[in-house]
Amino acid sequence: MHYTFTPKMVCSMQIDFDLDGDVVSNISFIGGCNGNLKAISKILDGWTVDQIESKIRGNTCGRRPTSCADQLAIAVRKAYTESQATL
């Protein structure tokens, strides 16, 4: 299923991804640091929610308490939790 997430306190304005079970794919960011976010999207493609969360959850950007990567980890966990609640 396709998900769209609106991140908070970061430069990116939107995060899109697909979730099949617990596997995340087709990650894309709108806004933010284009080159870095393209690389993150490619590297994490095909990873599980747990893998993504364990590697990038809690990552910060500058003085912010979060980052685009951290927001992705939050987004995929939220989407996965919501998808499990509908089963």
N, C-alpha and C. Protein backbone atom coordinates (compact mmCIF):
# COMPACT_ATOMS: atom_id res chain seq x y z
N MET A 1 0.84 -1.17 0.00
CA MET A 1 0.00 0.00 0.00
C MET A 1 0.89 1.24 0.00
N HIS A 2 0.43 2.28 -0.63
CA HIS A 2 1.17 3.54 -0.72
C HIS A 2 0.80 4.45 0.45
N TYR A 3 1.81 5.09 1.01
CA TYR A 3 1.60 6.00 2.14
C TYR A 3 2.26 7.35 1.86
N THR A 4 1.64 8.40 2.38
CA THR A 4 2.18 9.75 2.32
C THR A 4 2.21 10.27 3.74
N PHE A 5 3.34 10.83 4.14
CA PHE A 5 3.54 11.32 5.50
C PHE A 5 4.03 12.76 5.44
N THR A 6 3.49 13.59 6.31
CA THR A 6 3.94 14.98 6.41
C THR A 6 4.88 15.09 7.60
N PRO A 7 6.18 15.26 7.35
CA PRO A 7 7.15 15.34 8.44
C PRO A 7 7.05 16.67 9.19
N LYS A 8 7.58 16.66 10.41
CA LYS A 8 7.55 17.85 11.26
C LYS A 8 8.98 18.27 11.61
N MET A 9 9.19 19.59 11.64
CA MET A 9 10.45 20.20 12.09
C MET A 9 11.66 19.86 11.22
N VAL A 10 11.44 19.58 9.93
CA VAL A 10 12.53 19.31 9.00
C VAL A 10 12.29 20.06 7.70
N CYS A 11 13.26 20.05 6.82
CA CYS A 11 13.15 20.77 5.55
C CYS A 11 12.25 20.07 4.55
N SER A 12 12.22 18.74 4.57
CA SER A 12 11.35 18.04 3.62
C SER A 12 9.89 18.29 3.98
N MET A 13 9.05 18.36 2.97
CA MET A 13 7.64 18.68 3.16
C MET A 13 6.75 17.44 3.10
N GLN A 14 7.27 16.38 2.48
CA GLN A 14 6.46 15.17 2.31
C GLN A 14 7.36 13.97 2.12
N ILE A 15 6.92 12.82 2.67
CA ILE A 15 7.63 11.56 2.46
C ILE A 15 6.60 10.57 1.92
N ASP A 16 6.93 9.95 0.80
CA ASP A 16 6.08 8.94 0.19
C ASP A 16 6.82 7.61 0.19
N PHE A 17 6.09 6.51 0.38
CA PHE A 17 6.70 5.18 0.34
C PHE A 17 5.60 4.15 0.19
N ASP A 18 6.02 2.95 -0.20
CA ASP A 18 5.11 1.81 -0.27
C ASP A 18 5.47 0.86 0.85
N LEU A 19 4.45 0.19 1.36
CA LEU A 19 4.64 -0.78 2.44
C LEU A 19 3.93 -2.06 2.05
N ASP A 20 4.69 -3.15 1.97
CA ASP A 20 4.15 -4.48 1.66
C ASP A 20 4.49 -5.38 2.84
N GLY A 21 3.52 -5.61 3.71
CA GLY A 21 3.81 -6.29 4.96
C GLY A 21 4.63 -5.36 5.81
N ASP A 22 5.89 -5.75 6.09
CA ASP A 22 6.78 -4.86 6.84
C ASP A 22 7.95 -4.37 5.99
N VAL A 23 7.86 -4.56 4.68
CA VAL A 23 8.94 -4.17 3.76
C VAL A 23 8.61 -2.83 3.10
N VAL A 24 9.55 -1.90 3.18
CA VAL A 24 9.38 -0.55 2.67
C VAL A 24 10.10 -0.41 1.33
N SER A 25 9.43 0.22 0.37
CA SER A 25 10.04 0.45 -0.95
C SER A 25 9.54 1.76 -1.54
N ASN A 26 10.14 2.15 -2.65
CA ASN A 26 9.75 3.35 -3.39
C ASN A 26 9.69 4.59 -2.51
N ILE A 27 10.71 4.79 -1.69
CA ILE A 27 10.78 5.94 -0.79
C ILE A 27 11.14 7.18 -1.60
N SER A 28 10.41 8.26 -1.35
CA SER A 28 10.77 9.53 -1.98
C SER A 28 10.42 10.68 -1.04
N PHE A 29 11.23 11.72 -1.11
CA PHE A 29 11.05 12.91 -0.29
C PHE A 29 10.76 14.08 -1.21
N ILE A 30 9.92 14.98 -0.75
CA ILE A 30 9.70 16.25 -1.44
C ILE A 30 10.31 17.32 -0.54
N GLY A 31 11.27 18.06 -1.09
CA GLY A 31 12.00 19.05 -0.31
C GLY A 31 13.16 18.39 0.43
N GLY A 32 13.85 19.18 1.20
CA GLY A 32 14.99 18.66 1.96
C GLY A 32 16.26 18.65 1.13
N CYS A 33 17.27 17.99 1.64
CA CYS A 33 18.59 17.90 0.99
C CYS A 33 18.53 16.83 -0.10
N ASN A 34 18.28 17.24 -1.30
CA ASN A 34 17.97 16.36 -2.42
C ASN A 34 18.93 15.18 -2.59
N GLY A 35 20.20 15.44 -2.66
CA GLY A 35 21.18 14.37 -2.88
C GLY A 35 21.21 13.37 -1.75
N ASN A 36 21.23 13.87 -0.52
CA ASN A 36 21.26 12.98 0.63
C ASN A 36 20.00 12.13 0.72
N LEU A 37 18.86 12.74 0.49
CA LEU A 37 17.60 12.01 0.62
C LEU A 37 17.41 11.00 -0.52
N LYS A 38 17.94 11.29 -1.70
CA LYS A 38 17.91 10.30 -2.78
C LYS A 38 18.76 9.09 -2.39
N ALA A 39 19.91 9.34 -1.79
CA ALA A 39 20.80 8.25 -1.37
C ALA A 39 20.14 7.41 -0.28
N ILE A 40 19.57 8.07 0.72
CA ILE A 40 18.88 7.34 1.79
C ILE A 40 17.76 6.49 1.20
N SER A 41 17.01 7.04 0.28
CA SER A 41 15.90 6.31 -0.34
C SER A 41 16.38 5.06 -1.06
N LYS A 42 17.49 5.16 -1.78
CA LYS A 42 18.04 4.00 -2.49
C LYS A 42 18.59 2.96 -1.53
N ILE A 43 19.31 3.41 -0.52
CA ILE A 43 19.92 2.48 0.43
C ILE A 43 18.87 1.69 1.20
N LEU A 44 17.81 2.36 1.63
CA LEU A 44 16.80 1.72 2.48
C LEU A 44 15.73 0.96 1.71
N ASP A 45 15.72 1.06 0.40
CA ASP A 45 14.71 0.37 -0.41
C ASP A 45 14.78 -1.15 -0.17
N GLY A 46 13.67 -1.73 0.22
CA GLY A 46 13.60 -3.16 0.47
C GLY A 46 13.88 -3.56 1.91
N TRP A 47 14.20 -2.59 2.75
CA TRP A 47 14.43 -2.88 4.17
C TRP A 47 13.10 -3.02 4.90
N THR A 48 13.13 -3.69 6.03
CA THR A 48 11.92 -3.82 6.85
C THR A 48 11.78 -2.59 7.75
N VAL A 49 10.59 -2.44 8.30
CA VAL A 49 10.33 -1.34 9.23
C VAL A 49 11.30 -1.42 10.41
N ASP A 50 11.50 -2.61 10.97
CA ASP A 50 12.43 -2.76 12.10
C ASP A 50 13.85 -2.39 11.73
N GLN A 51 14.31 -2.78 10.54
CA GLN A 51 15.67 -2.44 10.11
C GLN A 51 15.83 -0.93 9.97
N ILE A 52 14.86 -0.29 9.34
CA ILE A 52 14.92 1.16 9.16
C ILE A 52 14.93 1.85 10.51
N GLU A 53 14.02 1.45 11.37
CA GLU A 53 13.92 2.06 12.68
C GLU A 53 15.21 1.89 13.49
N SER A 54 15.79 0.70 13.44
CA SER A 54 17.00 0.45 14.24
C SER A 54 18.21 1.24 13.75
N LYS A 55 18.25 1.57 12.48
CA LYS A 55 19.41 2.29 11.93
C LYS A 55 19.28 3.81 11.96
N ILE A 56 18.07 4.35 11.75
CA ILE A 56 17.99 5.81 11.58
C ILE A 56 17.08 6.52 12.58
N ARG A 57 16.34 5.79 13.39
CA ARG A 57 15.47 6.43 14.39
C ARG A 57 16.33 7.19 15.38
N GLY A 58 15.97 8.42 15.65
CA GLY A 58 16.71 9.24 16.60
C GLY A 58 17.82 10.08 15.98
N ASN A 59 18.06 9.91 14.67
CA ASN A 59 19.06 10.73 13.98
C ASN A 59 18.60 12.19 13.99
N THR A 60 19.50 13.10 14.28
CA THR A 60 19.15 14.52 14.32
C THR A 60 19.84 15.28 13.20
N CYS A 61 19.38 16.50 12.96
CA CYS A 61 19.95 17.36 11.93
C CYS A 61 20.25 18.72 12.56
N GLY A 62 21.52 19.04 12.66
CA GLY A 62 21.90 20.32 13.28
C GLY A 62 21.37 20.40 14.70
N ARG A 63 20.71 21.50 15.01
CA ARG A 63 20.16 21.71 16.35
C ARG A 63 18.75 21.14 16.49
N ARG A 64 18.21 20.63 15.42
CA ARG A 64 16.86 20.08 15.47
C ARG A 64 16.86 18.77 16.25
N PRO A 65 15.74 18.46 16.92
CA PRO A 65 15.66 17.20 17.66
C PRO A 65 15.31 16.00 16.78
N THR A 66 15.23 16.24 15.47
CA THR A 66 14.84 15.20 14.51
C THR A 66 15.59 15.46 13.20
N SER A 67 15.33 14.63 12.21
CA SER A 67 15.91 14.80 10.87
C SER A 67 14.95 14.18 9.87
N CYS A 68 15.22 14.36 8.60
CA CYS A 68 14.38 13.72 7.58
C CYS A 68 14.45 12.20 7.71
N ALA A 69 15.63 11.67 8.02
CA ALA A 69 15.77 10.23 8.20
C ALA A 69 14.95 9.76 9.41
N ASP A 70 15.04 10.49 10.51
CA ASP A 70 14.26 10.16 11.71
C ASP A 70 12.77 10.22 11.40
N GLN A 71 12.36 11.21 10.64
CA GLN A 71 10.95 11.33 10.27
C GLN A 71 10.51 10.16 9.39
N LEU A 72 11.41 9.66 8.54
CA LEU A 72 11.09 8.47 7.75
C LEU A 72 10.86 7.27 8.68
N ALA A 73 11.72 7.09 9.67
CA ALA A 73 11.57 5.98 10.61
C ALA A 73 10.23 6.09 11.35
N ILE A 74 9.88 7.29 11.74
CA ILE A 74 8.59 7.51 12.41
C ILE A 74 7.45 7.18 11.46
N ALA A 75 7.57 7.62 10.20
CA ALA A 75 6.51 7.40 9.21
C ALA A 75 6.27 5.93 8.92
N VAL A 76 7.36 5.17 8.72
CA VAL A 76 7.17 3.76 8.38
C VAL A 76 6.61 2.97 9.56
N ARG A 77 7.03 3.32 10.78
CA ARG A 77 6.48 2.65 11.96
C ARG A 77 4.99 2.96 12.10
N LYS A 78 4.61 4.22 11.90
CA LYS A 78 3.20 4.62 12.00
C LYS A 78 2.37 3.88 10.95
N ALA A 79 2.86 3.85 9.72
CA ALA A 79 2.13 3.17 8.65
C ALA A 79 1.99 1.68 8.94
N TYR A 80 3.06 1.06 9.41
CA TYR A 80 3.02 -0.37 9.72
C TYR A 80 2.04 -0.65 10.85
N THR A 81 2.09 0.14 11.89
CA THR A 81 1.18 -0.04 13.04
C THR A 81 -0.27 0.12 12.59
N GLU A 82 -0.54 1.13 11.78
CA GLU A 82 -1.89 1.34 11.27
C GLU A 82 -2.33 0.18 10.37
N SER A 83 -1.42 -0.34 9.57
CA SER A 83 -1.78 -1.45 8.67
C SER A 83 -2.10 -2.71 9.46
N GLN A 84 -1.43 -2.91 10.58
CA GLN A 84 -1.68 -4.09 11.41
C GLN A 84 -3.00 -3.98 12.17
N ALA A 85 -3.40 -2.76 12.49
CA ALA A 85 -4.65 -2.53 13.22
C ALA A 85 -5.88 -2.84 12.36
N THR A 86 -5.70 -2.78 11.04
CA THR A 86 -6.84 -3.03 10.15
C THR A 86 -7.00 -4.50 9.79
N LEU A 87 -6.09 -5.35 10.25
CA LEU A 87 -6.18 -6.79 9.93
C LEU A 87 -7.20 -7.48 10.78
